[in-house]
Protein backbone atom coordinates (compact mmCIF):
# COMPACT_ATOMS: atom_id res chain seq x y z
CA UNK A 1 -111.64 39.50 -27.46
CA UNK A 2 -108.12 40.66 -26.55
CA UNK A 3 -105.68 37.96 -27.51
CA UNK A 4 -103.22 36.81 -24.91
CA UNK A 5 -100.01 37.09 -27.08
CA UNK A 6 -101.10 40.21 -28.97
CA UNK A 7 -97.99 42.16 -27.95
CA UNK A 8 -95.60 39.24 -28.94
CA UNK A 9 -93.49 39.19 -32.35
CA UNK A 10 -92.28 35.89 -33.42
CA UNK A 11 -89.77 35.22 -36.37
CA UNK A 12 -90.45 31.83 -37.92
CA UNK A 13 -87.68 30.05 -40.03
CA UNK A 14 -89.43 26.90 -40.88
CA UNK A 15 -90.61 24.36 -43.44
CA UNK A 16 -92.92 21.45 -43.78
CA UNK A 17 -94.99 20.81 -40.50
CA UNK A 18 -92.89 20.87 -37.32
CA UNK A 19 -92.01 24.72 -37.28
CA UNK A 20 -95.04 25.86 -38.94
CA UNK A 21 -97.17 23.88 -36.32
CA UNK A 22 -95.29 25.66 -33.30
CA UNK A 23 -95.78 29.02 -35.00
CA UNK A 24 -99.46 28.40 -35.74
CA UNK A 25 -100.17 27.98 -32.06
CA UNK A 26 -98.53 31.19 -31.07
CA UNK A 27 -100.18 32.93 -34.16
CA UNK A 28 -103.71 31.66 -33.04
CA UNK A 29 -103.13 33.12 -29.55
CA UNK A 30 -102.54 36.57 -31.15
CA UNK A 31 -98.83 36.63 -31.71
CA UNK A 32 -97.53 38.47 -34.85
CA UNK A 33 -95.80 35.55 -36.54
CA UNK A 34 -93.58 36.60 -39.42
CA UNK A 35 -92.35 33.61 -41.60
CA UNK A 36 -88.87 34.20 -42.95
CA UNK A 37 -88.91 32.50 -46.41
CA UNK A 38 -86.27 31.84 -48.92
CA UNK A 39 -85.88 33.88 -52.21
CA UNK A 40 -87.15 33.92 -54.79
CA UNK A 41 -90.38 31.76 -54.35
CA UNK A 42 -90.61 31.19 -50.55
CA UNK A 43 -90.95 28.05 -48.78
CA UNK A 44 -90.78 24.93 -50.90
CA UNK A 45 -93.59 23.40 -48.74
CA UNK A 46 -95.94 25.61 -50.70
CA UNK A 47 -95.33 23.55 -53.77
CA UNK A 48 -95.31 20.06 -52.45
CA UNK A 49 -97.44 17.40 -54.28
CA UNK A 50 -99.32 14.51 -52.85
CA UNK A 51 -99.93 14.24 -49.05
CA UNK A 52 -97.86 17.50 -48.69
CA UNK A 53 -100.51 19.69 -50.56
CA UNK A 54 -102.28 20.50 -47.41
CA UNK A 55 -99.31 21.48 -45.18
CA UNK A 56 -98.92 25.16 -46.07
CA UNK A 57 -102.67 25.90 -45.99
CA UNK A 58 -103.15 24.14 -42.56
CA UNK A 59 -100.27 25.54 -40.64
CA UNK A 60 -99.70 29.01 -41.96
CA UNK A 61 -102.83 31.00 -41.33
CA UNK A 62 -102.70 34.04 -39.19
CA UNK A 63 -99.17 34.66 -40.17
CA UNK A 64 -97.12 37.17 -42.25
CA UNK A 65 -94.65 36.23 -44.99
CA UNK A 66 -91.30 37.95 -45.70
CA UNK A 67 -89.17 36.61 -48.49
CA UNK A 68 -85.44 37.35 -48.14
CA UNK A 69 -82.09 35.97 -49.11
CA UNK A 70 -80.42 34.86 -45.80
CA UNK A 71 -77.18 34.19 -47.55
CA UNK A 72 -76.39 37.83 -48.46
CA UNK A 73 -75.21 40.52 -46.16
CA UNK A 74 -78.18 42.87 -47.01
CA UNK A 75 -80.57 40.03 -46.20
CA UNK A 76 -78.92 39.29 -42.86
CA UNK A 77 -79.18 43.08 -41.95
CA UNK A 78 -83.01 42.87 -42.47
CA UNK A 79 -83.13 39.97 -40.27
CA UNK A 80 -81.05 41.56 -37.51
CA UNK A 81 -83.22 44.66 -37.64
CA UNK A 82 -86.22 42.31 -37.23
CA UNK A 83 -84.42 40.50 -34.29
CA UNK A 84 -84.30 44.00 -32.49
CA UNK A 85 -88.03 43.97 -32.51
CA UNK A 86 -88.75 40.19 -31.86
CA UNK A 87 -89.55 38.19 -28.71
CA UNK A 88 -89.31 34.69 -30.25
CA UNK A 89 -87.39 33.06 -32.86
CA UNK A 90 -88.59 29.52 -34.06
CA UNK A 91 -86.43 27.30 -36.36
CA UNK A 92 -86.68 23.76 -37.66
CA UNK A 93 -84.00 23.70 -40.21
CA UNK A 94 -81.55 20.93 -40.43
CA UNK A 95 -78.84 20.48 -37.70
CA UNK A 96 -76.21 23.34 -38.21
CA UNK A 97 -78.15 25.28 -40.87
CA UNK A 98 -78.95 28.30 -38.68
CA UNK A 99 -75.43 28.59 -37.40
CA UNK A 100 -74.08 28.53 -41.00
CA UNK A 101 -76.29 31.46 -41.69
CA UNK A 102 -75.01 33.33 -38.58
CA UNK A 103 -78.27 32.79 -36.89
CA UNK A 104 -77.56 30.08 -34.28
CA UNK A 105 -78.46 30.52 -30.66
CA UNK A 106 -74.74 30.94 -29.62
CA UNK A 107 -74.26 33.58 -32.15
CA UNK A 108 -77.47 35.66 -31.26
CA UNK A 109 -78.13 35.39 -27.55
CA UNK A 110 -75.25 37.79 -26.61
CA UNK A 111 -76.63 40.49 -28.98
CA UNK A 112 -80.36 39.79 -28.25
CA UNK A 113 -80.43 38.76 -24.61
CA UNK A 114 -84.20 38.99 -24.40
CA UNK A 115 -84.70 36.75 -27.46
CA UNK A 116 -86.39 33.44 -26.89
CA UNK A 117 -84.85 30.95 -29.30
CA UNK A 118 -86.87 27.78 -30.02
CA UNK A 119 -84.94 25.11 -31.79
CA UNK A 120 -87.03 22.25 -33.06
CA UNK A 121 -84.94 19.30 -34.23
CA UNK A 122 -85.07 15.44 -34.94
CA UNK A 123 -83.18 14.74 -31.70
CA UNK A 124 -82.30 16.45 -28.54
CA UNK A 125 -78.50 16.75 -27.70
CA UNK A 126 -76.98 13.32 -27.60
CA UNK A 127 -75.41 10.65 -29.85
CA UNK A 128 -78.13 11.16 -32.54
CA UNK A 129 -78.29 14.92 -32.44
CA UNK A 130 -76.66 15.58 -35.94
CA UNK A 131 -78.92 13.04 -37.76
CA UNK A 132 -81.61 14.20 -40.10
CA UNK A 133 -85.09 12.97 -38.92
CA UNK A 134 -88.47 13.01 -40.20
CA UNK A 135 -91.87 12.31 -38.65
CA UNK A 136 -91.92 8.79 -40.30
CA UNK A 137 -88.35 8.07 -39.32
CA UNK A 138 -89.06 8.61 -35.46
CA UNK A 139 -92.34 6.60 -35.69
CA UNK A 140 -90.15 3.75 -36.88
CA UNK A 141 -87.42 4.37 -34.15
CA UNK A 142 -89.79 4.74 -31.27
CA UNK A 143 -91.94 1.76 -31.83
CA UNK A 144 -95.00 3.63 -32.82
CA UNK A 145 -95.03 2.06 -36.31
CA UNK A 146 -94.62 -1.21 -34.71
CA UNK A 147 -97.51 -0.63 -32.43
CA UNK A 148 -99.72 0.74 -35.26
CA UNK A 149 -99.27 -1.94 -37.78
CA UNK A 150 -100.16 -5.63 -37.68
CA UNK A 151 -97.60 -8.12 -36.43
CA UNK A 152 -94.76 -8.07 -38.91
CA UNK A 153 -96.04 -5.10 -40.83
CA UNK A 154 -95.08 -1.80 -39.11
CA UNK A 155 -97.21 1.15 -40.21
CA UNK A 156 -96.83 4.75 -39.64
CA UNK A 157 -99.73 6.74 -38.04
CA UNK A 158 -102.15 8.23 -40.76
CA UNK A 159 -101.19 11.81 -39.80
CA UNK A 160 -97.99 13.72 -38.93
CA UNK A 161 -98.70 13.36 -35.16
CA UNK A 162 -94.99 13.70 -34.13
CA UNK A 163 -94.40 16.77 -36.06
CA UNK A 164 -97.52 18.43 -34.80
CA UNK A 165 -97.08 17.30 -31.11
CA UNK A 166 -93.34 18.48 -31.20
CA UNK A 167 -94.52 21.81 -32.47
CA UNK A 168 -97.08 22.08 -29.66
CA UNK A 169 -94.34 21.28 -27.00
CA UNK A 170 -92.15 23.87 -28.62
CA UNK A 171 -94.92 26.48 -28.49
CA UNK A 172 -95.50 25.50 -24.83
CA UNK A 173 -91.84 25.99 -24.15
CA UNK A 174 -91.98 29.42 -25.73
CA UNK A 175 -94.95 30.41 -23.34
CA UNK A 176 -92.97 29.14 -20.34
CA UNK A 177 -89.89 31.03 -21.52
CA UNK A 178 -92.02 34.28 -21.81
CA UNK A 179 -93.28 33.72 -18.28
CA UNK A 180 -89.77 33.29 -17.03
CA UNK A 181 -88.57 36.40 -18.88
CA UNK A 182 -91.19 38.49 -17.04
CA UNK A 183 -89.19 37.66 -13.74
CA UNK A 184 -85.62 37.48 -15.08
CA UNK A 185 -85.62 39.90 -18.08
CA UNK A 186 -83.71 37.24 -20.13
CA UNK A 187 -84.55 34.90 -22.98
CA UNK A 188 -83.38 31.40 -23.26
CA UNK A 189 -83.03 28.46 -25.54
CA UNK A 190 -86.07 26.28 -25.89
CA UNK A 191 -85.61 22.83 -27.47
CA UNK A 192 -88.10 20.09 -28.45
CA UNK A 193 -87.42 17.18 -30.78
CA UNK A 194 -89.26 14.54 -32.86
CA UNK A 195 -87.68 11.46 -31.26
CA UNK A 196 -88.06 12.39 -27.75
CA UNK A 197 -91.65 13.45 -28.38
CA UNK A 198 -92.30 10.03 -30.03
CA UNK A 199 -90.72 8.32 -27.02
CA UNK A 200 -92.97 10.31 -24.53
CA UNK A 201 -95.99 9.31 -26.58
CA UNK A 202 -94.80 5.64 -26.30
CA UNK A 203 -94.24 6.10 -22.50
CA UNK A 204 -97.40 4.08 -21.31
CA UNK A 205 -96.42 1.20 -23.71
CA UNK A 206 -92.84 1.32 -22.08
CA UNK A 207 -94.45 1.33 -18.66
CA UNK A 208 -96.60 -1.69 -19.64
CA UNK A 209 -93.54 -3.60 -20.76
CA UNK A 210 -91.76 -2.80 -17.46
CA UNK A 211 -94.79 -4.03 -15.41
CA UNK A 212 -95.67 -7.07 -17.49
CA UNK A 213 -92.08 -8.21 -18.01
CA UNK A 214 -92.90 -9.26 -21.63
CA UNK A 215 -92.76 -7.93 -25.07
CA UNK A 216 -95.56 -5.47 -26.00
CA UNK A 217 -97.88 -6.72 -28.71
CA UNK A 218 -98.83 -4.41 -31.53
CA UNK A 219 -102.34 -2.84 -30.99
CA UNK A 220 -104.06 -4.83 -33.65
CA UNK A 221 -102.89 -8.18 -31.87
CA UNK A 222 -103.30 -6.89 -28.34
CA UNK A 223 -105.55 -8.49 -25.73
CA UNK A 224 -108.09 -5.77 -25.06
CA UNK A 225 -108.97 -4.85 -21.49
CA UNK A 226 -112.67 -4.92 -22.58
CA UNK A 227 -114.55 -7.86 -24.16
CA UNK A 228 -116.30 -5.70 -26.67
CA UNK A 229 -113.88 -3.20 -28.15
CA UNK A 230 -113.47 -3.42 -31.89
CA UNK A 231 -114.84 -2.81 -35.47
CA UNK A 232 -117.75 -4.64 -36.76
CA UNK A 233 -118.79 -5.23 -40.39
CA UNK A 234 -122.56 -4.12 -40.94
CA UNK A 235 -125.29 -5.51 -43.18
CA UNK A 236 -124.87 -2.60 -45.68
CA UNK A 237 -121.15 -2.93 -46.14
CA UNK A 238 -120.08 -0.40 -43.56
CA UNK A 239 -117.81 -0.59 -40.55
CA UNK A 240 -118.55 0.60 -36.85
CA UNK A 241 -116.39 0.66 -33.77
CA UNK A 242 -118.24 -0.21 -30.66
CA UNK A 243 -116.83 -0.44 -27.18
CA UNK A 244 -118.59 -1.72 -23.95
CA UNK A 245 -116.25 -0.68 -21.13
CA UNK A 246 -118.26 -1.11 -18.04
CA UNK A 247 -120.96 -3.50 -16.66
CA UNK A 248 -123.49 -0.76 -16.74
CA UNK A 249 -122.77 -0.26 -20.43
CA UNK A 250 -123.13 -3.99 -20.79
CA UNK A 251 -126.66 -3.97 -19.41
CA UNK A 252 -127.54 -1.12 -21.79
CA UNK A 253 -125.97 -2.88 -24.72
CA UNK A 254 -128.08 -6.03 -24.05
CA UNK A 255 -131.22 -4.02 -23.79
CA UNK A 256 -130.92 -1.89 -26.90
CA UNK A 257 -129.58 -4.81 -29.09
CA UNK A 258 -132.38 -6.99 -27.76
CA UNK A 259 -130.31 -9.75 -26.28
CA UNK A 260 -131.82 -10.62 -22.80
CA UNK A 261 -130.25 -14.12 -23.16
CA UNK A 262 -126.76 -12.62 -22.86
CA UNK A 263 -127.75 -10.38 -19.84
CA UNK A 264 -129.04 -13.53 -18.14
CA UNK A 265 -126.04 -15.70 -18.87
CA UNK A 266 -123.99 -15.93 -15.64
CA UNK A 267 -120.87 -16.45 -17.68
CA UNK A 268 -121.20 -12.82 -19.19
CA UNK A 269 -122.17 -11.05 -15.92
CA UNK A 270 -118.62 -9.24 -15.71
CA UNK A 271 -116.21 -7.81 -18.03
CA UNK A 272 -113.59 -10.33 -17.16
CA UNK A 273 -116.03 -13.09 -17.51
CA UNK A 274 -116.95 -11.87 -21.03
CA UNK A 275 -113.29 -11.81 -21.84
CA UNK A 276 -112.94 -15.41 -20.69
CA UNK A 277 -115.75 -16.41 -23.06
CA UNK A 278 -114.51 -14.42 -26.06
CA UNK A 279 -113.86 -17.56 -28.17
CA UNK A 280 -117.70 -18.23 -28.46
CA UNK A 281 -119.13 -14.94 -27.59
CA UNK A 282 -117.31 -12.53 -30.00
CA UNK A 283 -118.37 -14.43 -33.14
CA UNK A 284 -122.08 -14.17 -31.87
CA UNK A 285 -121.54 -10.34 -31.45
CA UNK A 286 -120.02 -10.07 -34.76
CA UNK A 287 -122.91 -12.10 -36.35
CA UNK A 288 -125.45 -9.78 -34.51
CA UNK A 289 -123.78 -6.64 -35.98
CA UNK A 290 -123.41 -8.13 -39.51
CA UNK A 291 -127.28 -8.48 -39.60
CA UNK A 292 -127.77 -4.68 -38.77
CA UNK A 293 -127.13 -1.57 -41.05
CA UNK A 294 -124.61 0.91 -39.98
CA UNK A 295 -127.35 3.56 -39.24
CA UNK A 296 -129.20 1.07 -36.96
CA UNK A 297 -126.12 0.14 -35.04
CA UNK A 298 -125.33 4.05 -34.61
CA UNK A 299 -128.82 4.76 -33.41
CA UNK A 300 -128.80 1.88 -30.86
CA UNK A 301 -125.28 2.76 -29.46
CA UNK A 302 -126.28 6.40 -29.21
CA UNK A 303 -129.43 5.51 -27.46
CA UNK A 304 -127.58 3.18 -25.03
CA UNK A 305 -124.84 5.86 -24.50
CA UNK A 306 -122.02 3.63 -25.66
CA UNK A 307 -118.72 4.58 -27.09
CA UNK A 308 -119.06 4.04 -30.81
CA UNK A 309 -118.06 5.48 -34.29
CA UNK A 310 -118.49 4.87 -37.83
CA UNK A 311 -115.14 4.45 -39.55
CA UNK A 312 -114.80 7.92 -41.19
CA UNK A 313 -112.58 9.34 -43.89
CA UNK A 314 -110.78 12.75 -43.61
CA UNK A 315 -113.24 14.24 -46.11
CA UNK A 316 -116.15 13.22 -43.94
CA UNK A 317 -115.18 15.91 -41.41
CA UNK A 318 -116.31 18.72 -43.56
CA UNK A 319 -119.90 17.70 -42.98
CA UNK A 320 -119.57 16.58 -39.42
CA UNK A 321 -122.38 18.08 -37.44
CA UNK A 322 -120.36 18.37 -34.18
CA UNK A 323 -117.56 20.29 -35.98
CA UNK A 324 -119.93 22.48 -37.93
CA UNK A 325 -122.69 23.29 -35.35
CA UNK A 326 -120.01 23.56 -32.54
CA UNK A 327 -117.99 26.23 -34.54
CA UNK A 328 -114.84 24.20 -34.77
CA UNK A 329 -114.24 24.73 -38.35
CA UNK A 330 -113.35 28.04 -40.16
CA UNK A 331 -113.21 29.08 -43.74
CA UNK A 332 -109.69 29.07 -45.06
CA UNK A 333 -108.52 30.06 -48.63
CA UNK A 334 -106.90 27.37 -50.69
CA UNK A 335 -103.92 28.02 -52.94
CA UNK A 336 -106.18 28.05 -56.00
CA UNK A 337 -108.54 30.63 -54.58
CA UNK A 338 -111.24 28.20 -53.52
CA UNK A 339 -112.00 27.82 -49.75
CA UNK A 340 -112.55 24.99 -47.43
CA UNK A 341 -113.62 24.66 -43.80
CA UNK A 342 -110.62 23.51 -41.78
CA UNK A 343 -110.13 22.97 -38.05
CA UNK A 344 -109.58 25.67 -35.33
CA UNK A 345 -107.37 24.91 -32.59
CA UNK A 346 -109.15 22.38 -30.24
CA UNK A 347 -108.92 25.04 -27.42
CA UNK A 348 -111.08 27.74 -26.06
CA UNK A 349 -110.63 30.26 -23.24
CA UNK A 350 -113.66 31.57 -21.37
CA UNK A 351 -115.76 29.75 -24.13
CA UNK A 352 -114.04 31.77 -26.90
CA UNK A 353 -112.57 30.08 -29.99
CA UNK A 354 -109.57 31.59 -31.67
CA UNK A 355 -110.71 33.18 -34.89
CA UNK A 356 -109.01 33.46 -38.40
CA UNK A 357 -107.38 36.95 -38.72
CA UNK A 358 -105.30 36.32 -41.72
CA UNK A 359 -105.42 33.84 -44.62
CA UNK A 360 -102.24 31.77 -45.37
CA UNK A 361 -100.22 34.47 -47.18
CA UNK A 362 -98.79 34.36 -50.58
CA UNK A 363 -94.96 34.22 -50.60
CA UNK A 364 -93.66 37.72 -49.61
CA UNK A 365 -97.07 39.20 -49.25
CA UNK A 366 -95.86 41.28 -46.18
CA UNK A 367 -92.25 41.98 -47.22
CA UNK A 368 -92.77 45.67 -48.19
CA UNK A 369 -94.84 46.74 -45.32
CA UNK A 370 -92.39 45.00 -42.80
CA UNK A 371 -89.49 46.79 -44.44
CA UNK A 372 -91.25 50.07 -44.19
CA UNK A 373 -91.72 49.38 -40.47
CA UNK A 374 -87.93 48.89 -40.20
CA UNK A 375 -87.27 52.25 -41.75
CA UNK A 376 -86.43 51.25 -45.37
CA UNK A 377 -87.50 53.81 -47.89
CA UNK A 378 -89.46 52.76 -51.00
CA UNK A 379 -86.53 53.36 -53.15
CA UNK A 380 -84.35 51.18 -50.88
CA UNK A 381 -86.99 48.50 -51.01
CA UNK A 382 -87.20 48.69 -54.77
CA UNK A 383 -83.40 48.36 -55.01
CA UNK A 384 -83.47 45.28 -52.60
CA UNK A 385 -86.19 43.64 -54.70
CA UNK A 386 -84.37 44.54 -58.01
CA UNK A 387 -81.14 42.93 -56.63
CA UNK A 388 -82.96 39.66 -55.54
CA UNK A 389 -82.39 40.35 -51.79
CA UNK A 390 -86.15 40.28 -51.09
CA UNK A 391 -89.40 39.68 -52.92
């Protein structure tokens, strides 16, 4: 399969999740993505503890690594040679950092007019643009944490969804800019930001507030649009989410869960009727579920073609039949040399998944071959490494 971006070179100045997520999408589509990492040991994200342990492994496959000192003249010369060959620059450093390094958009676009410059920040231009932001910060600012937690207890979402989605929008902007460059011959500045992404994700809640003219309740306290749409405890200590979102599903639910009396009850004939009877009706549903095992509920819901799911943990996904048999996981090397099956991009073209071409590279793994491409001799590369310019 010829990958759609196989003729595109990307320089990625990034750390953590945001920039690497944008670069990953372009790399998966076939672009040559070169991570520009700091001397001497590369991106500090490689060494994060706790929840940060998985960042580098997940978001840096199919990329190359060049370790270079951007604060020294010789290092800047290397980057400028690379820019002569690059189509896209991605960066998610703090506000003003790239400009201090002489690599801001205003400093580069005159010399490299075809370069597409993707700046991923906490905020778009405006009153907040010089603030430092994180995924968790904008989840708090946008109301996402308020919507996720219970009343009085805001809670960030359990994954870095704003970092990842902002990276996706950045990658999409780069693709649009590539298409525009085909017509105009010129690159441009592409911008995406965490706060504005979080606000966009909250847009349907904003619309609800505008329509209802009332404060929006957090998701755990909301009045659901469907009578049965919640988690239930099971007889064997598990938990299962079950939704009944149409009257046809209601008929199948009553059949498979052996409750013809509910099906015959005129008060429960419609979804709105069932909502009106929730005070007495839902405790009965909860009692029914509490008398069945998780596997029994799953089997009945699947037979009835209802929306359902046991409450899974992240580690459960390694053995998920859909992901494994559907080819949605691929073997990736971990920092300690072991391997794990991690998710591919959730996208296929002409039924083809995007494959792993390069494991997440050690810091500086591609420095020497890239410098050779740029015309540096082995002796010059040795001198650069000895002087700490590259590694």
